[in-house]
């Protein structure tokens, strides 16, 4: 049993390594963001990228899709977008004298939900069931989504015009949230030079199959988590709820997401067990977007709260 588990971890690390090398050939200078997205993919989660336009969010999602030989779908969220534009609808076919189901763009293994906070909360909520349960219920019928199903959503900073804040329930469905930020000068020079000379994204070919990704997800779930490490993750979540600056703390769903992401991180590093360092490293990406801070005028931020919690809660030795 131990040998089988170790061999499984080697396979996960190999799958991760091939994906990582492929994506980094296009997404230059953002190794940490790429790692975070691939960890979320292998852990069965979804990613939220909050950033300004033009820093490579769409390119990142498309490159991941091309690297795993998966169909890619993009939804450009706008204020007039309807839920049926995402999930699909039935249209009457007069020749067949019956309604015909037309699936929406959500039925794709890799989905880019671009500028998700430009749509109304009603439309945003169309993704809730899909992200949480891997299925869509329309007109009383439940339809499964492809496996794997991976959402990379982007949103503009809230101070941008024409944006709606994501509801807490929507934010809680994302395993991790991060931003890409501007590239360094050298990285930007490399990006611009590559785009002038060729089209790097068009050169990306599949390096892993959809089946390999699905198997890697199964193997990640077998990574061992000691009770003390579980307790550490739960203690971090509890500490956010008790923090005086927090109105809404991390839910049990957040604790689960943190542990599952930690399992994937451990596996991508060749370990069949989760260490406290996995939990601590991912807490800054898996917890802040689940926290609502009281009185923004006080200067407290969700990220600052998590950093304070990480300092106050001792990890297991």
C-alpha atoms as a PDB file:
ATOM      1  CA  UNK A   1       0.000   0.000   0.000  1.00  0.00           C
ATOM      2  CA  UNK A   2       2.785   2.431   0.933  1.00  0.00           C
ATOM      3  CA  UNK A   3       4.648   1.662  -2.308  1.00  0.00           C
ATOM      4  CA  UNK A   4       1.495   2.179  -4.403  1.00  0.00           C
ATOM      5  CA  UNK A   5       0.900   5.539  -2.729  1.00  0.00           C
ATOM      6  CA  UNK A   6       4.465   6.684  -3.367  1.00  0.00           C
ATOM      7  CA  UNK A   7       4.210   5.644  -7.031  1.00  0.00           C
ATOM      8  CA  UNK A   8       0.955   7.586  -7.302  1.00  0.00           C
ATOM      9  CA  UNK A   9       2.626  10.704  -5.903  1.00  0.00           C
ATOM     10  CA  UNK A  10       5.417  10.367  -8.449  1.00  0.00           C
ATOM     11  CA  UNK A  11       2.776  10.323 -11.198  1.00  0.00           C
ATOM     12  CA  UNK A  12       1.115  13.459  -9.808  1.00  0.00           C
ATOM     13  CA  UNK A  13       4.446  15.260  -9.626  1.00  0.00           C
ATOM     14  CA  UNK A  14       5.214  14.225 -13.200  1.00  0.00           C
ATOM     15  CA  UNK A  15       1.829  15.459 -14.458  1.00  0.00           C
ATOM     16  CA  UNK A  16       2.292  18.747 -12.611  1.00  0.00           C
ATOM     17  CA  UNK A  17       5.833  19.159 -13.933  1.00  0.00           C
ATOM     18  CA  UNK A  18       4.824  18.673 -17.560  1.00  0.00           C
ATOM     19  CA  UNK A  19       1.920  21.100 -17.211  1.00  0.00           C
ATOM     20  CA  UNK A  20       4.073  23.651 -15.430  1.00  0.00           C
ATOM     21  CA  UNK A  21       6.850  23.561 -18.031  1.00  0.00           C
ATOM     22  CA  UNK A  22       4.312  23.952 -20.833  1.00  0.00           C
ATOM     23  CA  UNK A  23       2.494  26.909 -19.263  1.00  0.00           C
ATOM     24  CA  UNK A  24       5.675  28.742 -18.261  1.00  0.00           C
ATOM     25  CA  UNK A  25       6.829  28.754 -21.859  1.00  0.00           C
ATOM     26  CA  UNK A  26       4.000  31.205 -22.529  1.00  0.00           C
ATOM     27  CA  UNK A  27       3.261  32.824 -19.151  1.00  0.00           C
ATOM     28  CA  UNK A  28       6.632  34.384 -18.354  1.00  0.00           C
ATOM     29  CA  UNK A  29       7.736  35.513 -14.909  1.00  0.00           C
ATOM     30  CA  UNK A  30       4.627  34.363 -13.022  1.00  0.00           C
ATOM     31  CA  UNK A  31       5.808  31.027 -11.635  1.00  0.00           C
ATOM     32  CA  UNK A  32       3.942  31.399  -8.326  1.00  0.00           C
ATOM     33  CA  UNK A  33       0.628  32.195 -10.016  1.00  0.00           C
ATOM     34  CA  UNK A  34       1.035  29.283 -12.433  1.00  0.00           C
ATOM     35  CA  UNK A  35       1.826  26.929  -9.533  1.00  0.00           C
ATOM     36  CA  UNK A  36      -1.238  28.122  -7.649  1.00  0.00           C
ATOM     37  CA  UNK A  37      -3.542  27.593 -10.641  1.00  0.00           C
ATOM     38  CA  UNK A  38      -2.205  24.097 -11.327  1.00  0.00           C
ATOM     39  CA  UNK A  39      -2.434  23.148  -7.640  1.00  0.00           C
ATOM     40  CA  UNK A  40      -6.074  24.236  -7.675  1.00  0.00           C
ATOM     41  CA  UNK A  41      -6.679  22.265 -10.887  1.00  0.00           C
ATOM     42  CA  UNK A  42      -5.222  19.074  -9.375  1.00  0.00           C
ATOM     43  CA  UNK A  43      -7.104  19.639  -6.119  1.00  0.00           C
ATOM     44  CA  UNK A  44     -10.448  19.930  -7.926  1.00  0.00           C
ATOM     45  CA  UNK A  45     -10.876  23.641  -7.202  1.00  0.00           C
ATOM     46  CA  UNK A  46     -11.321  26.900  -9.080  1.00  0.00           C
ATOM     47  CA  UNK A  47      -9.272  30.103  -9.276  1.00  0.00           C
ATOM     48  CA  UNK A  48     -10.217  33.779  -9.012  1.00  0.00           C
ATOM     49  CA  UNK A  49      -7.780  36.324 -10.462  1.00  0.00           C
ATOM     50  CA  UNK A  50      -8.356  39.951  -9.482  1.00  0.00           C
ATOM     51  CA  UNK A  51      -6.335  42.245 -11.686  1.00  0.00           C
ATOM     52  CA  UNK A  52      -6.328  44.988 -14.273  1.00  0.00           C
ATOM     53  CA  UNK A  53      -6.820  44.093 -17.952  1.00  0.00           C
ATOM     54  CA  UNK A  54      -3.868  43.086 -20.102  1.00  0.00           C
ATOM     55  CA  UNK A  55      -1.604  41.241 -17.663  1.00  0.00           C
ATOM     56  CA  UNK A  56      -2.141  37.751 -19.092  1.00  0.00           C
ATOM     57  CA  UNK A  57      -5.133  36.233 -17.303  1.00  0.00           C
ATOM     58  CA  UNK A  58      -6.793  34.984 -20.485  1.00  0.00           C
ATOM     59  CA  UNK A  59      -3.482  33.718 -21.839  1.00  0.00           C
ATOM     60  CA  UNK A  60      -2.927  31.743 -18.638  1.00  0.00           C
ATOM     61  CA  UNK A  61      -6.322  30.018 -18.875  1.00  0.00           C
ATOM     62  CA  UNK A  62      -5.935  29.248 -22.588  1.00  0.00           C
ATOM     63  CA  UNK A  63      -2.436  27.854 -22.106  1.00  0.00           C
ATOM     64  CA  UNK A  64      -3.593  25.509 -19.352  1.00  0.00           C
ATOM     65  CA  UNK A  65      -6.412  24.305 -21.594  1.00  0.00           C
ATOM     66  CA  UNK A  66      -4.105  23.741 -24.580  1.00  0.00           C
ATOM     67  CA  UNK A  67      -1.622  21.892 -22.376  1.00  0.00           C
ATOM     68  CA  UNK A  68      -4.163  19.283 -21.252  1.00  0.00           C
ATOM     69  CA  UNK A  69      -5.827  18.723 -24.620  1.00  0.00           C
ATOM     70  CA  UNK A  70      -9.099  20.036 -23.268  1.00  0.00           C
ATOM     71  CA  UNK A  71     -11.830  22.093 -24.852  1.00  0.00           C
ATOM     72  CA  UNK A  72     -11.625  25.734 -23.795  1.00  0.00           C
ATOM     73  CA  UNK A  73     -14.611  28.025 -23.360  1.00  0.00           C
ATOM     74  CA  UNK A  74     -14.705  31.733 -22.583  1.00  0.00           C
ATOM     75  CA  UNK A  75     -17.621  33.744 -21.231  1.00  0.00           C
ATOM     76  CA  UNK A  76     -17.273  37.510 -21.438  1.00  0.00           C
ATOM     77  CA  UNK A  77     -19.425  38.769 -18.577  1.00  0.00           C
ATOM     78  CA  UNK A  78     -21.403  41.941 -19.285  1.00  0.00           C
ATOM     79  CA  UNK A  79     -24.323  43.671 -17.529  1.00  0.00           C
ATOM     80  CA  UNK A  80     -26.839  42.313 -20.064  1.00  0.00           C
ATOM     81  CA  UNK A  81     -25.646  38.680 -19.847  1.00  0.00           C
ATOM     82  CA  UNK A  82     -28.399  36.241 -18.818  1.00  0.00           C
ATOM     83  CA  UNK A  83     -28.064  33.005 -16.813  1.00  0.00           C
ATOM     84  CA  UNK A  84     -29.190  31.016 -19.874  1.00  0.00           C
ATOM     85  CA  UNK A  85     -26.279  32.510 -21.818  1.00  0.00           C
ATOM     86  CA  UNK A  86     -24.035  30.544 -19.441  1.00  0.00           C
ATOM     87  CA  UNK A  87     -25.897  27.316 -18.753  1.00  0.00           C
ATOM     88  CA  UNK A  88     -27.776  26.849 -22.036  1.00  0.00           C
ATOM     89  CA  UNK A  89     -31.437  26.647 -22.948  1.00  0.00           C
ATOM     90  CA  UNK A  90     -34.027  24.676 -24.930  1.00  0.00           C
ATOM     91  CA  UNK A  91     -35.112  25.971 -28.325  1.00  0.00           C
ATOM     92  CA  UNK A  92     -38.141  24.739 -30.222  1.00  0.00           C
ATOM     93  CA  UNK A  93     -37.261  22.976 -33.461  1.00  0.00           C
ATOM     94  CA  UNK A  94     -40.279  23.170 -35.806  1.00  0.00           C
ATOM     95  CA  UNK A  95     -38.899  20.461 -38.078  1.00  0.00           C
ATOM     96  CA  UNK A  96     -38.649  17.979 -35.223  1.00  0.00           C
ATOM     97  CA  UNK A  97     -41.720  19.478 -33.468  1.00  0.00           C
ATOM     98  CA  UNK A  98     -39.923  19.346 -30.144  1.00  0.00           C
ATOM     99  CA  UNK A  99     -37.614  21.368 -27.956  1.00  0.00           C
ATOM    100  CA  UNK A 100     -33.909  20.822 -28.496  1.00  0.00           C
ATOM    101  CA  UNK A 101     -31.357  21.356 -25.728  1.00  0.00           C
ATOM    102  CA  UNK A 102     -28.506  23.698 -26.610  1.00  0.00           C
ATOM    103  CA  UNK A 103     -25.725  23.514 -23.987  1.00  0.00           C
ATOM    104  CA  UNK A 104     -24.107  26.763 -22.915  1.00  0.00           C
ATOM    105  CA  UNK A 105     -20.383  27.559 -22.719  1.00  0.00           C
ATOM    106  CA  UNK A 106     -20.217  26.231 -19.159  1.00  0.00           C
ATOM    107  CA  UNK A 107     -20.054  22.696 -20.623  1.00  0.00           C
ATOM    108  CA  UNK A 108     -16.295  22.753 -21.194  1.00  0.00           C
ATOM    109  CA  UNK A 109     -13.452  21.248 -19.130  1.00  0.00           C
ATOM    110  CA  UNK A 110     -11.667  24.601 -18.856  1.00  0.00           C
ATOM    111  CA  UNK A 111     -13.828  27.708 -18.518  1.00  0.00           C
ATOM    112  CA  UNK A 112     -12.647  31.304 -18.432  1.00  0.00           C
ATOM    113  CA  UNK A 113     -15.226  33.524 -16.727  1.00  0.00           C
ATOM    114  CA  UNK A 114     -13.808  36.854 -17.873  1.00  0.00           C
ATOM    115  CA  UNK A 115     -14.598  39.989 -15.864  1.00  0.00           C
ATOM    116  CA  UNK A 116     -17.149  38.063 -13.822  1.00  0.00           C
ATOM    117  CA  UNK A 117     -17.981  41.087 -11.673  1.00  0.00           C
ATOM    118  CA  UNK A 118     -19.358  43.030 -14.655  1.00  0.00           C
ATOM    119  CA  UNK A 119     -22.479  40.834 -14.684  1.00  0.00           C
ATOM    120  CA  UNK A 120     -25.388  41.176 -12.281  1.00  0.00           C
ATOM    121  CA  UNK A 121     -25.455  38.989  -9.142  1.00  0.00           C
ATOM    122  CA  UNK A 122     -28.330  36.958 -10.678  1.00  0.00           C
ATOM    123  CA  UNK A 123     -26.158  36.018 -13.643  1.00  0.00           C
ATOM    124  CA  UNK A 124     -23.090  35.405 -11.480  1.00  0.00           C
ATOM    125  CA  UNK A 125     -25.125  32.915  -9.442  1.00  0.00           C
ATOM    126  CA  UNK A 126     -25.601  30.746 -12.550  1.00  0.00           C
ATOM    127  CA  UNK A 127     -22.119  29.387 -11.873  1.00  0.00           C
ATOM    128  CA  UNK A 128     -22.766  28.438  -8.230  1.00  0.00           C
ATOM    129  CA  UNK A 129     -24.111  24.920  -8.807  1.00  0.00           C
ATOM    130  CA  UNK A 130     -21.594  24.265 -11.578  1.00  0.00           C
ATOM    131  CA  UNK A 131     -18.602  25.181  -9.406  1.00  0.00           C
ATOM    132  CA  UNK A 132     -19.832  23.480  -6.261  1.00  0.00           C
ATOM    133  CA  UNK A 133     -21.285  20.241  -7.644  1.00  0.00           C
ATOM    134  CA  UNK A 134     -20.006  19.840 -11.213  1.00  0.00           C
ATOM    135  CA  UNK A 135     -23.503  19.898 -12.663  1.00  0.00           C
ATOM    136  CA  UNK A 136     -26.117  22.293 -14.026  1.00  0.00           C
ATOM    137  CA  UNK A 137     -29.863  22.142 -13.409  1.00  0.00           C
ATOM    138  CA  UNK A 138     -31.967  23.848 -16.075  1.00  0.00           C
ATOM    139  CA  UNK A 139     -35.700  23.492 -16.645  1.00  0.00           C
ATOM    140  CA  UNK A 140     -35.898  20.799 -13.984  1.00  0.00           C
ATOM    141  CA  UNK A 141     -33.249  18.561 -15.525  1.00  0.00           C
ATOM    142  CA  UNK A 142     -29.767  18.082 -14.051  1.00  0.00           C
ATOM    143  CA  UNK A 143     -26.897  17.674 -16.502  1.00  0.00           C
ATOM    144  CA  UNK A 144     -23.355  16.693 -15.456  1.00  0.00           C
ATOM    145  CA  UNK A 145     -20.399  18.815 -16.493  1.00  0.00           C
ATOM    146  CA  UNK A 146     -17.235  17.318 -18.015  1.00  0.00           C
ATOM    147  CA  UNK A 147     -14.504  15.959 -15.764  1.00  0.00           C
ATOM    148  CA  UNK A 148     -12.277  17.712 -15.021  1.00  0.00           C
ATOM    149  CA  UNK A 149     -14.203  20.980 -14.757  1.00  0.00           C
ATOM    150  CA  UNK A 150     -11.940  23.920 -13.977  1.00  0.00           C
ATOM    151  CA  UNK A 151     -12.964  27.583 -13.769  1.00  0.00           C
ATOM    152  CA  UNK A 152     -10.529  30.474 -14.005  1.00  0.00           C
ATOM    153  CA  UNK A 153     -12.510  33.623 -13.249  1.00  0.00           C
ATOM    154  CA  UNK A 154     -11.186  37.149 -13.528  1.00  0.00           C
ATOM    155  CA  UNK A 155     -12.526  40.301 -11.991  1.00  0.00           C
ATOM    156  CA  UNK A 156     -11.547  43.942 -12.215  1.00  0.00           C
ATOM    157  CA  UNK A 157     -10.710  45.855  -9.050  1.00  0.00           C
ATOM    158  CA  UNK A 158     -13.887  47.136  -7.399  1.00  0.00           C
ATOM    159  CA  UNK A 159     -13.049  50.776  -8.071  1.00  0.00           C
ATOM    160  CA  UNK A 160     -13.474  50.180 -11.807  1.00  0.00           C
ATOM    161  CA  UNK A 161     -16.709  51.523 -13.330  1.00  0.00           C
ATOM    162  CA  UNK A 162     -19.513  49.094 -14.100  1.00  0.00           C
ATOM    163  CA  UNK A 163     -18.590  46.365 -11.626  1.00  0.00           C
ATOM    164  CA  UNK A 164     -20.723  44.474  -9.103  1.00  0.00           C
ATOM    165  CA  UNK A 165     -19.219  42.941  -5.962  1.00  0.00           C
ATOM    166  CA  UNK A 166     -19.216  39.142  -5.988  1.00  0.00           C
ATOM    167  CA  UNK A 167     -21.619  37.706  -3.366  1.00  0.00           C
ATOM    168  CA  UNK A 168     -20.026  35.919  -0.425  1.00  0.00           C
ATOM    169  CA  UNK A 169     -21.487  32.597  -1.603  1.00  0.00           C
ATOM    170  CA  UNK A 170     -19.853  33.010  -5.006  1.00  0.00           C
ATOM    171  CA  UNK A 171     -16.461  33.935  -3.545  1.00  0.00           C
ATOM    172  CA  UNK A 172     -16.601  30.912  -1.249  1.00  0.00           C
ATOM    173  CA  UNK A 173     -16.704  28.589  -4.278  1.00  0.00           C
ATOM    174  CA  UNK A 174     -13.203  29.574  -5.363  1.00  0.00           C
ATOM    175  CA  UNK A 175     -10.487  27.413  -3.844  1.00  0.00           C
ATOM    176  CA  UNK A 176      -7.861  30.134  -4.182  1.00  0.00           C
ATOM    177  CA  UNK A 177      -7.764  33.802  -5.156  1.00  0.00           C
ATOM    178  CA  UNK A 178      -4.725  35.745  -6.271  1.00  0.00           C
ATOM    179  CA  UNK A 179      -3.532  38.382  -8.736  1.00  0.00           C
ATOM    180  CA  UNK A 180      -0.921  38.359 -11.480  1.00  0.00           C
ATOM    181  CA  UNK A 181       0.334  41.914 -11.199  1.00  0.00           C
ATOM    182  CA  UNK A 182       2.649  43.656 -13.616  1.00  0.00           C
ATOM    183  CA  UNK A 183       5.623  41.605 -14.838  1.00  0.00           C
ATOM    184  CA  UNK A 184       9.184  42.596 -14.043  1.00  0.00           C
ATOM    185  CA  UNK A 185      11.035  44.629 -16.669  1.00  0.00           C
ATOM    186  CA  UNK A 186      13.031  41.647 -17.931  1.00  0.00           C
ATOM    187  CA  UNK A 187       9.918  39.455 -18.040  1.00  0.00           C
ATOM    188  CA  UNK A 188       7.989  42.111 -19.955  1.00  0.00           C
ATOM    189  CA  UNK A 189      10.827  42.475 -22.450  1.00  0.00           C
ATOM    190  CA  UNK A 190      10.694  38.726 -23.016  1.00  0.00           C
ATOM    191  CA  UNK A 191       6.896  38.788 -23.420  1.00  0.00           C
ATOM    192  CA  UNK A 192       6.938  41.626 -25.938  1.00  0.00           C
ATOM    193  CA  UNK A 193       9.844  40.121 -27.895  1.00  0.00           C
ATOM    194  CA  UNK A 194       8.102  36.743 -28.101  1.00  0.00           C
ATOM    195  CA  UNK A 195       4.868  38.317 -29.347  1.00  0.00           C
ATOM    196  CA  UNK A 196       6.721  40.314 -32.010  1.00  0.00           C
ATOM    197  CA  UNK A 197       8.607  37.310 -33.341  1.00  0.00           C
ATOM    198  CA  UNK A 198       5.913  34.620 -33.068  1.00  0.00           C
ATOM    199  CA  UNK A 199       2.683  33.598 -31.322  1.00  0.00           C
ATOM    200  CA  UNK A 200       3.753  31.488 -28.296  1.00  0.00           C
ATOM    201  CA  UNK A 201       0.223  30.362 -27.456  1.00  0.00           C
ATOM    202  CA  UNK A 202      -0.227  28.820 -30.907  1.00  0.00           C
ATOM    203  CA  UNK A 203       2.888  26.717 -30.319  1.00  0.00           C
ATOM    204  CA  UNK A 204       1.470  25.059 -27.198  1.00  0.00           C
ATOM    205  CA  UNK A 205       0.441  21.440 -27.652  1.00  0.00           C
ATOM    206  CA  UNK A 206      -1.094  18.929 -25.231  1.00  0.00           C
ATOM    207  CA  UNK A 207       1.416  17.496 -22.765  1.00  0.00           C
ATOM    208  CA  UNK A 208      -1.062  15.538 -20.616  1.00  0.00           C
ATOM    209  CA  UNK A 209      -4.418  13.949 -21.343  1.00  0.00           C
ATOM    210  CA  UNK A 210      -7.699  14.750 -19.638  1.00  0.00           C
ATOM    211  CA  UNK A 211      -7.591  11.241 -18.160  1.00  0.00           C
ATOM    212  CA  UNK A 212      -4.179  11.913 -16.610  1.00  0.00           C
ATOM    213  CA  UNK A 213      -5.534  15.046 -14.938  1.00  0.00           C
ATOM    214  CA  UNK A 214      -8.551  13.115 -13.630  1.00  0.00           C
ATOM    215  CA  UNK A 215      -6.278  10.360 -12.260  1.00  0.00           C
ATOM    216  CA  UNK A 216      -3.980  12.941 -10.651  1.00  0.00           C
ATOM    217  CA  UNK A 217      -7.010  14.410  -8.885  1.00  0.00           C
ATOM    218  CA  UNK A 218      -7.894  11.000  -7.479  1.00  0.00           C
ATOM    219  CA  UNK A 219      -4.328  10.466  -6.282  1.00  0.00           C
ATOM    220  CA  UNK A 220      -4.197  13.876  -4.618  1.00  0.00           C
ATOM    221  CA  UNK A 221      -7.196  12.932  -2.459  1.00  0.00           C
ATOM    222  CA  UNK A 222      -5.154  10.002  -1.055  1.00  0.00           C
ATOM    223  CA  UNK A 223      -2.409  12.234   0.337  1.00  0.00           C
ATOM    224  CA  UNK A 224      -2.310  11.732   4.092  1.00  0.00           C
ATOM    225  CA  UNK A 225      -3.306  14.521   6.469  1.00  0.00           C
ATOM    226  CA  UNK A 226      -2.336  14.099  10.127  1.00  0.00           C
ATOM    227  CA  UNK A 227      -4.882  15.083  12.755  1.00  0.00           C
ATOM    228  CA  UNK A 228      -2.567  17.826  14.040  1.00  0.00           C
ATOM    229  CA  UNK A 229      -2.331  19.358  10.563  1.00  0.00           C
ATOM    230  CA  UNK A 230      -6.124  19.204  10.226  1.00  0.00           C
ATOM    231  CA  UNK A 231      -6.357  20.890  13.602  1.00  0.00           C
ATOM    232  CA  UNK A 232      -3.964  23.617  12.445  1.00  0.00           C
ATOM    233  CA  UNK A 233      -6.108  24.428   9.395  1.00  0.00           C
ATOM    234  CA  UNK A 234      -9.283  24.516  11.489  1.00  0.00           C
ATOM    235  CA  UNK A 235      -7.576  26.692  14.120  1.00  0.00           C
ATOM    236  CA  UNK A 236      -6.644  29.220  11.425  1.00  0.00           C
ATOM    237  CA  UNK A 237     -10.261  29.349  10.246  1.00  0.00           C
ATOM    238  CA  UNK A 238     -11.551  29.720  13.818  1.00  0.00           C
ATOM    239  CA  UNK A 239      -9.105  32.536  14.490  1.00  0.00           C
ATOM    240  CA  UNK A 240     -10.483  34.542  11.561  1.00  0.00           C
ATOM    241  CA  UNK A 241     -14.000  34.258  13.020  1.00  0.00           C
ATOM    242  CA  UNK A 242     -12.819  35.528  16.392  1.00  0.00           C
ATOM    243  CA  UNK A 243     -10.755  38.428  15.040  1.00  0.00           C
ATOM    244  CA  UNK A 244     -12.209  41.792  16.170  1.00  0.00           C
ATOM    245  CA  UNK A 245     -11.895  43.325  12.694  1.00  0.00           C
ATOM    246  CA  UNK A 246     -13.801  40.509  10.973  1.00  0.00           C
ATOM    247  CA  UNK A 247     -17.545  40.510  10.385  1.00  0.00           C
ATOM    248  CA  UNK A 248     -17.638  37.259   8.435  1.00  0.00           C
ATOM    249  CA  UNK A 249     -14.901  34.695   8.972  1.00  0.00           C
ATOM    250  CA  UNK A 250     -13.789  31.594   7.102  1.00  0.00           C
ATOM    251  CA  UNK A 251     -16.451  28.877   6.853  1.00  0.00           C
ATOM    252  CA  UNK A 252     -15.870  25.108   7.095  1.00  0.00           C
ATOM    253  CA  UNK A 253     -15.874  25.098   3.280  1.00  0.00           C
ATOM    254  CA  UNK A 254     -12.792  27.312   3.508  1.00  0.00           C
ATOM    255  CA  UNK A 255     -11.077  24.847   5.855  1.00  0.00           C
ATOM    256  CA  UNK A 256     -11.817  22.011   3.425  1.00  0.00           C
ATOM    257  CA  UNK A 257     -10.491  24.021   0.470  1.00  0.00           C
ATOM    258  CA  UNK A 258      -7.302  24.823   2.368  1.00  0.00           C
ATOM    259  CA  UNK A 259      -6.658  21.163   3.186  1.00  0.00           C
ATOM    260  CA  UNK A 260      -7.422  19.942  -0.346  1.00  0.00           C
ATOM    261  CA  UNK A 261      -5.119  22.543  -1.850  1.00  0.00           C
ATOM    262  CA  UNK A 262      -2.460  21.541   0.678  1.00  0.00           C
ATOM    263  CA  UNK A 263      -2.805  17.907  -0.400  1.00  0.00           C
ATOM    264  CA  UNK A 264      -2.158  18.933  -4.001  1.00  0.00           C
ATOM    265  CA  UNK A 265       0.811  21.109  -3.030  1.00  0.00           C
ATOM    266  CA  UNK A 266       2.368  18.239  -1.072  1.00  0.00           C
ATOM    267  CA  UNK A 267       1.874  15.830  -3.985  1.00  0.00           C
ATOM    268  CA  UNK A 268       3.425  18.220  -6.519  1.00  0.00           C
ATOM    269  CA  UNK A 269       6.487  18.296  -4.297  1.00  0.00           C
ATOM    270  CA  UNK A 270       6.726  14.531  -4.150  1.00  0.00           C
ATOM    271  CA  UNK A 271       5.302  13.981  -0.660  1.00  0.00           C
ATOM    272  CA  UNK A 272       2.477  11.638   0.310  1.00  0.00           C
ATOM    273  CA  UNK A 273       1.641  13.655   3.429  1.00  0.00           C
ATOM    274  CA  UNK A 274       0.635  17.259   4.132  1.00  0.00           C
ATOM    275  CA  UNK A 275       3.004  19.320   6.241  1.00  0.00           C
ATOM    276  CA  UNK A 276       2.213  22.485   8.208  1.00  0.00           C
ATOM    277  CA  UNK A 277       4.254  24.445   5.657  1.00  0.00           C
ATOM    278  CA  UNK A 278       1.753  23.483   2.935  1.00  0.00           C
ATOM    279  CA  UNK A 279      -1.133  24.862   4.957  1.00  0.00           C
ATOM    280  CA  UNK A 280       0.762  28.001   5.933  1.00  0.00           C
ATOM    281  CA  UNK A 281       1.891  28.716   2.375  1.00  0.00           C
ATOM    282  CA  UNK A 282      -1.594  28.361   0.886  1.00  0.00           C
ATOM    283  CA  UNK A 283      -3.528  30.131   3.648  1.00  0.00           C
ATOM    284  CA  UNK A 284      -2.745  33.533   2.132  1.00  0.00           C
ATOM    285  CA  UNK A 285      -4.445  32.454  -1.106  1.00  0.00           C
ATOM    286  CA  UNK A 286      -7.232  30.203   0.196  1.00  0.00           C
ATOM    287  CA  UNK A 287      -8.600  32.313   3.071  1.00  0.00           C
ATOM    288  CA  UNK A 288      -8.613  36.124   2.515  1.00  0.00           C
ATOM    289  CA  UNK A 289     -11.332  36.179  -0.164  1.00  0.00           C
ATOM    290  CA  UNK A 290     -13.655  34.379   2.284  1.00  0.00           C
ATOM    291  CA  UNK A 291     -13.314  37.089   4.938  1.00  0.00           C
ATOM    292  CA  UNK A 292     -15.464  40.210   5.288  1.00  0.00           C
ATOM    293  CA  UNK A 293     -13.736  42.947   7.260  1.00  0.00           C
ATOM    294  CA  UNK A 294     -15.747  45.363   9.402  1.00  0.00           C
ATOM    295  CA  UNK A 295     -15.350  49.058   8.637  1.00  0.00           C
ATOM    296  CA  UNK A 296     -12.964  49.366   5.718  1.00  0.00           C
ATOM    297  CA  UNK A 297     -12.110  52.849   6.986  1.00  0.00           C
ATOM    298  CA  UNK A 298     -10.091  51.268   9.788  1.00  0.00           C
ATOM    299  CA  UNK A 299      -7.477  50.231   7.239  1.00  0.00           C
ATOM    300  CA  UNK A 300      -7.736  46.521   8.037  1.00  0.00           C
ATOM    301  CA  UNK A 301      -7.705  44.145   5.067  1.00  0.00           C
ATOM    302  CA  UNK A 302      -8.553  40.470   4.799  1.00  0.00           C
ATOM    303  CA  UNK A 303      -4.975  39.660   3.834  1.00  0.00           C
ATOM    304  CA  UNK A 304      -3.626  41.540   6.858  1.00  0.00           C
ATOM    305  CA  UNK A 305      -6.017  39.579   9.086  1.00  0.00           C
ATOM    306  CA  UNK A 306      -4.767  36.249   7.698  1.00  0.00           C
ATOM    307  CA  UNK A 307      -1.139  37.302   8.168  1.00  0.00           C
ATOM    308  CA  UNK A 308      -1.897  38.211  11.772  1.00  0.00           C
ATOM    309  CA  UNK A 309      -3.685  34.905  12.312  1.00  0.00           C
ATOM    310  CA  UNK A 310      -0.708  32.995  10.868  1.00  0.00           C
ATOM    311  CA  UNK A 311       1.549  34.733  13.388  1.00  0.00           C
ATOM    312  CA  UNK A 312      -0.756  34.041  16.330  1.00  0.00           C
ATOM    313  CA  UNK A 313      -1.609  30.383  15.659  1.00  0.00           C
ATOM    314  CA  UNK A 314       1.354  28.073  16.144  1.00  0.00           C
ATOM    315  CA  UNK A 315       1.760  25.286  13.588  1.00  0.00           C
ATOM    316  CA  UNK A 316       2.295  21.713  14.836  1.00  0.00           C
ATOM    317  CA  UNK A 317       5.901  20.731  15.229  1.00  0.00           C
END
